[in-house]
Amino acid sequence: MEKELLDEQAVRRALTRIAHEIIERNKGIDDIVLVGIRTRGTYLAERLAERIQEIEGRPVDKGDIDITLYRDDLTHRRENQEPEVHGTEIPVEVRGRRVILIDDVLYTGRTVRAALDAVVDIGRPEQIQLAVLIDRGHRELPIRADYVGKNVPTSKNEVVEVRLREVDGEEKVSIASK
């Protein structure tokens, strides 16, 4: 059985709130770079960039990062299965800037840890912040989000699914039993 957590309007409102929080916490958008974690984080970063531009009247730097080769679970995959790498596209320098990583769901923290490693390999930012649409708990690493669309207490037997128009053809966040 699937339960809807956020509909299209709720996703839009959460992203608008996160955009305002990013601007407020960073006292504007100077020296910030939004970096989406592929795949859905990329689209969420694009939407946040649009909202920030609407609010501030100027564009914010953005890019996306592929963490495939930084994952600590690659060795657990089948030996004949090669990971699919999509590449990282950050068209600006991150050194000395405030990077805001963006992802759809924060769970164990391992994806974020991999993204941190990937960003630091590109350059040493002044600061790295984290924005997520959903924080579902169950951290295995000491990682927390700076900006959260919605906190959702879950059990490990549940799956949180974020569906975005650009990838899935519909817009919603739901939770279901495995």
C-alpha atoms as a PDB file:
ATOM      1  CA  MET A   1       0.000   0.000   0.000  1.00  0.00           C
ATOM      2  CA  GLU A   2       1.305   3.418  -0.997  1.00  0.00           C
ATOM      3  CA  LYS A   3       0.656   6.648   0.914  1.00  0.00           C
ATOM      4  CA  GLU A   4       1.179  10.032  -0.707  1.00  0.00           C
ATOM      5  CA  LEU A   5       3.364  12.352   1.382  1.00  0.00           C
ATOM      6  CA  LEU A   6       3.584  15.339  -0.976  1.00  0.00           C
ATOM      7  CA  ASP A   7       1.569  16.237  -4.056  1.00  0.00           C
ATOM      8  CA  GLU A   8       2.760  18.578  -6.808  1.00  0.00           C
ATOM      9  CA  GLN A   9       1.753  21.747  -4.917  1.00  0.00           C
ATOM     10  CA  ALA A  10       3.431  20.568  -1.707  1.00  0.00           C
ATOM     11  CA  VAL A  11       6.673  19.832  -3.582  1.00  0.00           C
ATOM     12  CA  ARG A  12       6.545  23.317  -5.121  1.00  0.00           C
ATOM     13  CA  ARG A  13       5.927  24.941  -1.712  1.00  0.00           C
ATOM     14  CA  ALA A  14       8.759  22.969  -0.080  1.00  0.00           C
ATOM     15  CA  LEU A  15      11.226  24.034  -2.783  1.00  0.00           C
ATOM     16  CA  THR A  16      10.122  27.669  -2.525  1.00  0.00           C
ATOM     17  CA  ARG A  17      10.672  27.577   1.252  1.00  0.00           C
ATOM     18  CA  ILE A  18      14.113  25.969   0.818  1.00  0.00           C
ATOM     19  CA  ALA A  19      15.046  28.653  -1.737  1.00  0.00           C
ATOM     20  CA  HIS A  20      14.144  31.407   0.767  1.00  0.00           C
ATOM     21  CA  GLU A  21      16.074  29.632   3.537  1.00  0.00           C
ATOM     22  CA  ILE A  22      19.177  29.318   1.326  1.00  0.00           C
ATOM     23  CA  ILE A  23      19.073  33.034   0.509  1.00  0.00           C
ATOM     24  CA  GLU A  24      18.505  34.016   4.143  1.00  0.00           C
ATOM     25  CA  ARG A  25      21.186  31.775   5.642  1.00  0.00           C
ATOM     26  CA  ASN A  26      23.795  32.825   3.050  1.00  0.00           C
ATOM     27  CA  LYS A  27      22.807  36.514   3.143  1.00  0.00           C
ATOM     28  CA  GLY A  28      22.113  36.496  -0.584  1.00  0.00           C
ATOM     29  CA  ILE A  29      23.503  34.359  -3.368  1.00  0.00           C
ATOM     30  CA  ASP A  30      27.034  35.700  -3.762  1.00  0.00           C
ATOM     31  CA  ASP A  31      29.558  32.868  -3.852  1.00  0.00           C
ATOM     32  CA  ILE A  32      27.027  30.027  -3.723  1.00  0.00           C
ATOM     33  CA  VAL A  33      26.859  27.135  -6.174  1.00  0.00           C
ATOM     34  CA  LEU A  34      23.914  24.739  -6.268  1.00  0.00           C
ATOM     35  CA  VAL A  35      25.076  21.194  -7.048  1.00  0.00           C
ATOM     36  CA  GLY A  36      22.467  18.525  -7.696  1.00  0.00           C
ATOM     37  CA  ILE A  37      23.315  14.908  -6.981  1.00  0.00           C
ATOM     38  CA  ARG A  38      22.311  12.913 -10.064  1.00  0.00           C
ATOM     39  CA  THR A  39      19.622  12.073 -10.974  1.00  0.00           C
ATOM     40  CA  ARG A  40      16.709  13.683  -9.168  1.00  0.00           C
ATOM     41  CA  GLY A  41      18.918  16.102  -7.245  1.00  0.00           C
ATOM     42  CA  THR A  42      19.881  17.625 -10.590  1.00  0.00           C
ATOM     43  CA  TYR A  43      16.278  18.535 -11.368  1.00  0.00           C
ATOM     44  CA  LEU A  44      15.631  19.779  -7.842  1.00  0.00           C
ATOM     45  CA  ALA A  45      18.739  22.002  -8.133  1.00  0.00           C
ATOM     46  CA  GLU A  46      17.427  23.429 -11.419  1.00  0.00           C
ATOM     47  CA  ARG A  47      14.074  24.229  -9.796  1.00  0.00           C
ATOM     48  CA  LEU A  48      15.764  25.826  -6.785  1.00  0.00           C
ATOM     49  CA  ALA A  49      17.923  27.909  -9.127  1.00  0.00           C
ATOM     50  CA  GLU A  50      14.774  29.124 -10.930  1.00  0.00           C
ATOM     51  CA  ARG A  51      13.088  30.095  -7.648  1.00  0.00           C
ATOM     52  CA  ILE A  52      16.205  31.831  -6.347  1.00  0.00           C
ATOM     53  CA  GLN A  53      16.476  33.799  -9.592  1.00  0.00           C
ATOM     54  CA  GLU A  54      12.807  34.836  -9.283  1.00  0.00           C
ATOM     55  CA  ILE A  55      13.433  36.037  -5.719  1.00  0.00           C
ATOM     56  CA  GLU A  56      16.855  37.666  -6.182  1.00  0.00           C
ATOM     57  CA  GLY A  57      16.455  38.872  -9.763  1.00  0.00           C
ATOM     58  CA  ARG A  58      19.694  37.288 -10.956  1.00  0.00           C
ATOM     59  CA  PRO A  59      20.887  33.774 -11.732  1.00  0.00           C
ATOM     60  CA  VAL A  60      22.702  31.517  -9.302  1.00  0.00           C
ATOM     61  CA  ASP A  61      25.534  29.210 -10.394  1.00  0.00           C
ATOM     62  CA  LYS A  62      24.585  25.557 -10.607  1.00  0.00           C
ATOM     63  CA  GLY A  63      25.855  22.181 -11.724  1.00  0.00           C
ATOM     64  CA  ASP A  64      25.430  18.517 -11.068  1.00  0.00           C
ATOM     65  CA  ILE A  65      27.600  15.742  -9.767  1.00  0.00           C
ATOM     66  CA  ASP A  66      27.749  12.028 -10.471  1.00  0.00           C
ATOM     67  CA  ILE A  67      28.802  10.084  -7.387  1.00  0.00           C
ATOM     68  CA  THR A  68      28.792   6.616  -8.976  1.00  0.00           C
ATOM     69  CA  LEU A  69      32.532   6.023  -8.648  1.00  0.00           C
ATOM     70  CA  TYR A  70      32.590   7.405  -5.089  1.00  0.00           C
ATOM     71  CA  ARG A  71      29.987   5.010  -3.703  1.00  0.00           C
ATOM     72  CA  ASP A  72      31.208   2.640  -1.006  1.00  0.00           C
ATOM     73  CA  ASP A  73      28.860  -0.119  -2.172  1.00  0.00           C
ATOM     74  CA  LEU A  74      30.338  -0.610  -5.665  1.00  0.00           C
ATOM     75  CA  THR A  75      32.228  -3.697  -4.511  1.00  0.00           C
ATOM     76  CA  HIS A  76      28.939  -5.341  -3.486  1.00  0.00           C
ATOM     77  CA  ARG A  77      27.513  -5.276  -7.004  1.00  0.00           C
ATOM     78  CA  ARG A  78      27.711  -8.193  -9.367  1.00  0.00           C
ATOM     79  CA  GLU A  79      31.189  -8.559 -10.826  1.00  0.00           C
ATOM     80  CA  ASN A  80      30.104  -8.481 -14.480  1.00  0.00           C
ATOM     81  CA  GLN A  81      27.986  -5.349 -13.956  1.00  0.00           C
ATOM     82  CA  GLU A  82      29.825  -2.126 -14.732  1.00  0.00           C
ATOM     83  CA  PRO A  83      28.548   1.021 -13.018  1.00  0.00           C
ATOM     84  CA  GLU A  84      26.926   3.541 -15.339  1.00  0.00           C
ATOM     85  CA  VAL A  85      28.778   6.857 -15.070  1.00  0.00           C
ATOM     86  CA  HIS A  86      27.063  10.033 -16.292  1.00  0.00           C
ATOM     87  CA  GLY A  87      29.765  12.573 -15.529  1.00  0.00           C
ATOM     88  CA  THR A  88      29.932  15.700 -13.449  1.00  0.00           C
ATOM     89  CA  GLU A  89      29.084  19.108 -14.866  1.00  0.00           C
ATOM     90  CA  ILE A  90      29.967  22.064 -12.678  1.00  0.00           C
ATOM     91  CA  PRO A  91      30.787  24.922 -15.052  1.00  0.00           C
ATOM     92  CA  VAL A  92      32.186  27.186 -12.317  1.00  0.00           C
ATOM     93  CA  GLU A  93      35.005  27.020  -9.813  1.00  0.00           C
ATOM     94  CA  VAL A  94      33.966  25.633  -6.406  1.00  0.00           C
ATOM     95  CA  ARG A  95      37.187  26.580  -4.612  1.00  0.00           C
ATOM     96  CA  GLY A  96      36.446  29.210  -1.980  1.00  0.00           C
ATOM     97  CA  ARG A  97      32.686  29.152  -2.630  1.00  0.00           C
ATOM     98  CA  ARG A  98      29.719  27.825  -0.657  1.00  0.00           C
ATOM     99  CA  VAL A  99      28.476  24.663  -2.332  1.00  0.00           C
ATOM    100  CA  ILE A 100      24.933  23.538  -1.622  1.00  0.00           C
ATOM    101  CA  LEU A 101      24.468  19.854  -2.404  1.00  0.00           C
ATOM    102  CA  ILE A 102      20.911  18.964  -3.356  1.00  0.00           C
ATOM    103  CA  ASP A 103      19.307  15.524  -3.260  1.00  0.00           C
ATOM    104  CA  ASP A 104      15.822  14.075  -3.162  1.00  0.00           C
ATOM    105  CA  VAL A 105      15.954  11.774  -0.102  1.00  0.00           C
ATOM    106  CA  LEU A 106      18.380  11.696   2.819  1.00  0.00           C
ATOM    107  CA  TYR A 107      18.509   8.213   4.316  1.00  0.00           C
ATOM    108  CA  THR A 108      21.734   6.538   5.509  1.00  0.00           C
ATOM    109  CA  GLY A 109      23.986   9.455   4.533  1.00  0.00           C
ATOM    110  CA  ARG A 110      26.185   7.344   2.251  1.00  0.00           C
ATOM    111  CA  THR A 111      25.131   9.148  -0.931  1.00  0.00           C
ATOM    112  CA  VAL A 112      25.958  12.485   0.676  1.00  0.00           C
ATOM    113  CA  ARG A 113      29.338  11.180   1.893  1.00  0.00           C
ATOM    114  CA  ALA A 114      30.147  10.147  -1.675  1.00  0.00           C
ATOM    115  CA  ALA A 115      29.050  13.575  -2.956  1.00  0.00           C
ATOM    116  CA  LEU A 116      31.262  15.309  -0.386  1.00  0.00           C
ATOM    117  CA  ASP A 117      34.263  13.314  -1.625  1.00  0.00           C
ATOM    118  CA  ALA A 118      33.421  14.135  -5.246  1.00  0.00           C
ATOM    119  CA  VAL A 119      33.093  17.878  -4.581  1.00  0.00           C
ATOM    120  CA  VAL A 120      36.351  18.056  -2.616  1.00  0.00           C
ATOM    121  CA  ASP A 121      38.140  16.273  -5.485  1.00  0.00           C
ATOM    122  CA  ILE A 122      37.038  19.134  -7.776  1.00  0.00           C
ATOM    123  CA  GLY A 123      38.205  21.894  -5.428  1.00  0.00           C
ATOM    124  CA  ARG A 124      38.094  22.953  -1.806  1.00  0.00           C
ATOM    125  CA  PRO A 125      34.928  24.945  -1.142  1.00  0.00           C
ATOM    126  CA  GLU A 126      34.689  27.422   1.716  1.00  0.00           C
ATOM    127  CA  GLN A 127      31.664  25.498   2.984  1.00  0.00           C
ATOM    128  CA  ILE A 128      29.351  22.671   1.912  1.00  0.00           C
ATOM    129  CA  GLN A 129      25.679  22.719   2.850  1.00  0.00           C
ATOM    130  CA  LEU A 130      22.995  20.112   2.155  1.00  0.00           C
ATOM    131  CA  ALA A 131      19.414  20.549   0.951  1.00  0.00           C
ATOM    132  CA  VAL A 132      17.034  17.593   0.627  1.00  0.00           C
ATOM    133  CA  LEU A 133      13.384  17.305  -0.278  1.00  0.00           C
ATOM    134  CA  ILE A 134      12.802  14.443   2.203  1.00  0.00           C
ATOM    135  CA  ASP A 135      14.725  13.437   5.343  1.00  0.00           C
ATOM    136  CA  ARG A 136      13.597   9.962   6.355  1.00  0.00           C
ATOM    137  CA  GLY A 137      16.064   9.277   9.178  1.00  0.00           C
ATOM    138  CA  HIS A 138      18.078   6.069   9.783  1.00  0.00           C
ATOM    139  CA  ARG A 139      21.494   7.688   9.374  1.00  0.00           C
ATOM    140  CA  GLU A 140      24.545   5.428   9.326  1.00  0.00           C
ATOM    141  CA  LEU A 141      26.927   8.395   9.147  1.00  0.00           C
ATOM    142  CA  PRO A 142      26.984  11.663  11.114  1.00  0.00           C
ATOM    143  CA  ILE A 143      25.356  13.723   8.355  1.00  0.00           C
ATOM    144  CA  ARG A 144      22.410  16.095   8.613  1.00  0.00           C
ATOM    145  CA  ALA A 145      20.685  18.380   6.136  1.00  0.00           C
ATOM    146  CA  ASP A 146      20.800  22.172   6.462  1.00  0.00           C
ATOM    147  CA  TYR A 147      17.554  22.536   4.485  1.00  0.00           C
ATOM    148  CA  VAL A 148      14.727  19.985   4.554  1.00  0.00           C
ATOM    149  CA  GLY A 149      11.482  20.035   2.606  1.00  0.00           C
ATOM    150  CA  LYS A 150       9.815  17.491   4.889  1.00  0.00           C
ATOM    151  CA  ASN A 151      10.956  15.225   7.717  1.00  0.00           C
ATOM    152  CA  VAL A 152       9.283  11.825   7.419  1.00  0.00           C
ATOM    153  CA  PRO A 153       9.742   9.236  10.151  1.00  0.00           C
ATOM    154  CA  THR A 154      10.035   5.842   8.454  1.00  0.00           C
ATOM    155  CA  SER A 155      10.843   2.253   9.228  1.00  0.00           C
ATOM    156  CA  LYS A 156      13.593   0.394   7.409  1.00  0.00           C
ATOM    157  CA  ASN A 157      10.830  -1.715   5.842  1.00  0.00           C
ATOM    158  CA  GLU A 158       9.494   1.293   3.967  1.00  0.00           C
ATOM    159  CA  VAL A 159      10.562   2.947   0.738  1.00  0.00           C
ATOM    160  CA  VAL A 160      10.244   6.680   0.049  1.00  0.00           C
ATOM    161  CA  GLU A 161       9.779   7.345  -3.636  1.00  0.00           C
ATOM    162  CA  VAL A 162      10.228  10.793  -5.155  1.00  0.00           C
ATOM    163  CA  ARG A 163       8.699  11.079  -8.592  1.00  0.00           C
ATOM    164  CA  LEU A 164       9.547  14.157 -10.634  1.00  0.00           C
ATOM    165  CA  ARG A 165       7.952  15.300 -13.865  1.00  0.00           C
ATOM    166  CA  GLU A 166      11.315  15.450 -15.698  1.00  0.00           C
ATOM    167  CA  VAL A 167      12.195  11.825 -14.918  1.00  0.00           C
ATOM    168  CA  ASP A 168       8.951  10.035 -14.105  1.00  0.00           C
ATOM    169  CA  GLY A 169       6.283  12.043 -15.907  1.00  0.00           C
ATOM    170  CA  GLU A 170       4.453  12.816 -12.654  1.00  0.00           C
ATOM    171  CA  GLU A 171       5.059  14.807  -9.517  1.00  0.00           C
ATOM    172  CA  LYS A 172       4.671  13.352  -6.030  1.00  0.00           C
ATOM    173  CA  VAL A 173       6.417  11.846  -3.032  1.00  0.00           C
ATOM    174  CA  SER A 174       5.049   8.631  -1.570  1.00  0.00           C
ATOM    175  CA  ILE A 175       5.909   6.004   1.009  1.00  0.00           C
ATOM    176  CA  ALA A 176       5.222   2.287   0.742  1.00  0.00           C
ATOM    177  CA  SER A 177       6.189  -0.974   2.402  1.00  0.00           C
ATOM    178  CA  LYS A 178       8.969  -2.941   0.741  1.00  0.00           C
END
